[in-house]
Protein backbone atom coordinates (compact mmCIF):
# COMPACT_ATOMS: atom_id res chain seq x y z
CA MET A 1 105.89 120.04 104.79
CA THR A 2 107.42 117.56 107.13
CA SER A 3 110.50 115.60 107.71
CA PRO A 4 110.78 112.06 109.14
CA ALA A 5 111.72 113.47 112.61
CA ALA A 6 108.74 115.86 112.63
CA ALA A 7 106.24 113.02 112.14
CA ALA A 8 107.70 110.37 114.43
CA THR A 9 104.78 110.15 116.84
CA ALA A 10 101.80 108.62 115.01
CA GLU A 11 98.44 108.71 116.94
CA ASP A 12 96.85 106.39 114.38
CA THR A 13 97.80 102.84 113.73
CA LEU A 14 97.15 101.78 110.15
CA ASP A 15 96.33 98.23 109.26
CA PRO A 16 99.74 96.81 108.20
CA VAL A 17 98.19 94.19 105.92
CA ARG A 18 96.36 96.92 104.00
CA ILE A 19 99.38 99.03 103.93
CA ASP A 20 101.42 96.19 102.33
CA ALA A 21 98.70 95.54 99.77
CA LEU A 22 98.60 99.26 98.88
CA VAL A 23 102.41 99.50 98.46
CA GLU A 24 102.43 96.22 96.38
CA SER A 25 99.84 97.74 94.06
CA LEU A 26 102.01 100.84 93.82
CA ALA A 27 105.01 98.73 92.98
CA ALA A 28 103.24 96.57 90.36
CA ASP A 29 101.05 99.19 88.68
CA GLY A 30 102.49 102.56 89.51
CA LEU A 31 99.26 103.49 91.29
CA ALA A 32 97.13 102.23 94.17
CA VAL A 33 93.75 103.09 95.65
CA ALA A 34 92.36 102.40 99.18
CA CYS A 35 89.10 103.31 100.83
CA ASP A 36 88.80 103.96 104.50
CA LEU A 37 92.44 103.26 105.33
CA LEU A 38 92.50 106.27 107.66
CA PRO A 39 90.33 106.49 110.79
CA ALA A 40 87.00 108.15 109.89
CA ASP A 41 87.29 110.72 112.73
CA LEU A 42 90.67 111.85 111.35
CA VAL A 43 89.20 112.34 107.81
CA ALA A 44 86.27 114.29 109.47
CA ALA A 45 88.70 116.48 111.47
CA LEU A 46 90.73 117.28 108.26
CA ARG A 47 87.57 118.21 106.44
CA GLN A 48 86.58 120.60 109.32
CA SER A 49 90.06 122.11 109.36
CA ALA A 50 89.96 122.62 105.69
CA MET A 51 86.63 124.38 105.91
CA LEU A 52 87.86 126.65 108.75
CA HIS A 53 90.86 127.64 106.71
CA GLU A 54 88.61 128.36 103.71
CA ALA A 55 86.35 130.52 105.90
CA ALA A 56 89.34 132.45 107.19
CA GLY A 57 90.45 133.22 103.67
CA GLU A 58 93.75 131.40 104.02
CA LEU A 59 93.62 129.59 100.69
CA ALA A 60 94.97 131.20 97.61
CA PRO A 61 94.69 130.30 93.84
CA ALA A 62 96.76 127.14 93.15
CA GLY A 63 99.58 127.73 90.75
CA LEU A 64 101.78 125.71 88.42
CA GLY A 65 105.51 125.21 89.01
CA ARG A 66 107.76 126.45 91.76
CA GLY A 67 109.62 129.67 92.65
CA ALA A 68 110.26 132.08 89.89
CA GLY A 69 108.63 129.71 87.39
CA ARG A 70 105.38 129.55 89.31
CA ALA A 71 102.28 130.63 87.26
CA HIS A 72 98.57 130.69 87.59
CA GLU A 73 96.98 129.21 84.51
CA THR A 74 93.24 129.05 84.92
CA ALA A 75 92.84 127.30 81.53
CA ILE A 76 94.75 124.45 83.05
CA ARG A 77 93.83 124.50 86.80
CA GLN A 78 91.10 126.12 88.90
CA ALA A 79 91.45 125.45 92.58
CA ASP A 80 92.57 127.10 95.79
CA ALA A 81 95.31 125.79 98.01
CA ARG A 82 97.09 126.12 101.36
CA TRP A 83 100.20 124.34 102.43
CA ILE A 84 99.76 122.00 105.37
CA ASP A 85 101.93 122.34 108.42
CA ASP A 86 101.48 121.14 112.02
CA ALA A 87 99.09 123.99 112.88
CA ASP A 88 96.38 121.70 114.48
CA ALA A 89 95.94 118.26 115.84
CA SER A 90 94.36 116.86 112.64
CA GLU A 91 97.29 117.95 110.54
CA ARG A 92 99.80 116.49 112.91
CA ARG A 93 97.92 113.18 112.84
CA PHE A 94 97.86 113.29 109.07
CA LEU A 95 101.62 114.00 108.75
CA ALA A 96 102.26 111.04 111.04
CA VAL A 97 100.20 108.82 108.86
CA ALA A 98 102.15 110.10 105.83
CA GLU A 99 105.42 109.16 107.63
CA THR A 100 104.08 105.59 108.17
CA LEU A 101 103.39 105.36 104.47
CA ARG A 102 106.78 106.85 103.54
CA THR A 103 108.53 104.24 105.58
CA ALA A 104 106.50 101.34 104.09
CA ILE A 105 107.07 102.57 100.47
CA ASN A 106 110.82 102.92 101.08
CA ARG A 107 111.01 99.42 102.52
CA ARG A 108 109.32 97.90 99.50
CA LEU A 109 110.41 100.03 96.66
CA PHE A 110 113.79 101.46 97.84
CA LEU A 111 112.98 104.93 96.48
CA GLY A 112 114.91 106.83 99.10
CA LEU A 113 111.90 109.07 99.88
CA PHE A 114 113.26 111.73 102.18
CA ASP A 115 110.40 114.08 103.15
CA PHE A 116 106.72 114.94 102.44
CA GLU A 117 104.81 118.11 101.56
CA ALA A 118 101.08 118.49 101.19
CA GLN A 119 98.30 121.03 100.55
CA HIS A 120 94.68 121.45 101.29
CA LEU A 121 92.94 121.77 97.92
CA SER A 122 89.50 123.23 97.36
CA TYR A 123 87.91 123.02 93.87
CA PRO A 124 84.96 125.29 93.42
CA PRO A 125 81.96 123.96 91.43
CA GLY A 126 83.29 123.68 87.89
CA GLY A 127 86.93 123.67 89.04
CA PHE A 128 89.27 121.26 87.35
CA TYR A 129 92.84 120.38 86.59
CA ALA A 130 93.68 119.23 83.12
CA ARG A 131 95.77 116.18 82.44
CA HIS A 132 99.39 116.55 83.81
CA LEU A 133 102.24 114.89 85.65
CA ASP A 134 103.12 115.97 89.16
CA SER A 135 106.82 115.99 88.65
CA LEU A 136 108.28 119.47 88.34
CA ALA A 137 110.18 120.42 85.17
CA GLY A 138 114.00 120.24 85.55
CA THR A 139 114.17 118.44 88.87
CA ARG A 140 113.48 114.94 90.21
CA ASN A 141 112.07 115.83 93.59
CA ARG A 142 108.38 114.64 93.70
CA VAL A 143 108.42 110.87 93.37
CA VAL A 144 105.22 109.54 94.79
CA SER A 145 102.03 111.49 94.91
CA LEU A 146 99.29 111.04 97.62
CA VAL A 147 95.65 112.22 97.36
CA LEU A 148 93.24 111.99 100.25
CA TYR A 149 89.59 112.94 99.71
CA LEU A 150 87.43 114.68 102.35
CA ASN A 151 83.94 114.95 100.74
CA GLU A 152 80.91 113.52 102.57
CA ASP A 153 78.04 111.97 100.60
CA TRP A 154 79.65 112.20 97.22
CA ARG A 155 77.78 110.63 94.47
CA GLU A 156 78.59 109.75 90.84
CA GLU A 157 76.39 112.53 89.56
CA HIS A 158 78.51 115.09 91.39
CA GLY A 159 81.39 114.42 89.02
CA GLY A 160 84.89 115.51 90.12
CA GLN A 161 86.56 112.18 89.40
CA LEU A 162 90.21 111.83 89.54
CA VAL A 163 91.15 110.19 86.11
CA ILE A 164 94.32 108.30 86.07
CA TRP A 165 96.26 106.73 83.03
CA ARG A 166 98.91 104.16 83.40
CA ARG A 167 102.53 105.09 82.81
CA ASN A 168 102.17 107.69 80.05
CA GLU A 169 99.57 105.69 78.11
CA ASP A 170 96.71 107.32 76.14
CA GLY A 171 93.33 105.87 75.50
CA ALA A 172 91.08 104.45 78.14
CA PRO A 173 92.19 105.50 81.64
CA ALA A 174 93.33 102.89 84.19
CA ALA A 175 91.09 104.29 86.95
CA GLU A 176 88.42 106.92 87.63
CA VAL A 177 88.23 107.63 91.35
CA LEU A 178 85.24 109.36 92.96
CA PRO A 179 86.43 111.82 95.52
CA GLU A 180 84.60 110.24 98.43
CA ALA A 181 85.69 110.96 102.02
CA GLY A 182 88.39 108.54 103.11
CA THR A 183 89.50 107.46 99.66
CA LEU A 184 93.34 107.49 99.38
CA VAL A 185 95.29 107.41 96.17
CA LEU A 186 99.03 106.84 95.59
CA PHE A 187 100.85 107.03 92.27
CA LEU A 188 104.27 107.55 90.81
CA SER A 189 104.60 111.40 90.17
CA GLU A 190 106.90 111.19 87.22
CA GLU A 191 105.09 108.48 85.38
CA ILE A 192 101.33 108.53 86.05
CA PRO A 193 99.20 111.20 84.08
CA HIS A 194 96.07 112.24 85.68
CA GLU A 195 93.32 114.93 85.55
CA VAL A 196 90.57 116.26 87.80
CA ARG A 197 87.15 116.58 86.23
CA PRO A 198 84.79 119.39 87.10
CA ALA A 199 82.24 118.85 89.80
CA THR A 200 78.90 120.37 90.54
CA ARG A 201 79.83 121.05 94.23
CA THR A 202 82.88 122.13 96.16
CA ARG A 203 85.54 119.30 96.12
CA ARG A 204 87.99 119.08 98.94
CA ALA A 205 91.18 117.01 99.11
CA ILE A 206 94.64 116.80 100.53
CA ALA A 207 97.33 116.49 97.81
CA GLY A 208 100.82 115.44 98.98
CA TRP A 209 104.15 114.51 97.52
CA PHE A 210 106.85 112.26 98.89
CA ARG A 211 110.21 113.72 97.80
CA VAL A 212 113.75 112.62 97.43
CA ASN A 213 116.68 114.89 98.48
CA PRO A 214 118.54 115.96 95.28
CA SER A 215 120.88 118.19 97.28
CA THR A 216 124.58 118.24 96.30
CA SER A 217 127.68 119.99 97.44
CA ARG A 218 126.71 122.82 94.95
CA ARG A 219 122.91 122.77 95.20
CA VAL A 220 120.64 122.55 98.24
CA ASP A 221 116.99 121.71 97.59
CA PRO A 222 114.87 122.75 100.58
CA ALA A 223 111.37 121.27 100.84
CA GLY A 224 109.68 124.70 100.45
């Protein structure tokens, strides 16, 4: 998790024209996809970091919900997760990139995005996540979702697509995204249903959420 101050020193300069196009697509359609927006060496470093954390046994079964309402429902989701912090250089670089995107989204969409939280996700072969929305029940905190894929040499026959529907519609999906390394997806957390299809090999990604701050004088909502 990070705050604007924590990610103020970006090491990676993103193409402002491509950022503007990405945010315009998010504004128009509620979703946006970009390939190779982030530097290839950063994507490779994040993949290596994810694999090291996996080897160290630092990932745990991903759950549903938050706090006392959190549950592990393997009929809905089968994946392992670890919250990202600034433990290594690649994570610090990624969080700085997320801060650049947060600023660009706020400038165009006026969403009041306040901070960002993210997880390394590892789906084993056959792992999946059934159709769902990213917003948490009973609170408007996750507003824009981000997914960054880390998988080298991914082909159609490997499966594992992110399937996205447009603003709570049924029927044919608006997009089916292969989880190829360097592919980045943004979508509105409260409006865009999506699912993760099973794959034939381990599927690694970073999933993150830009949040608003719903704190009031009677209720404080920390990012954790």
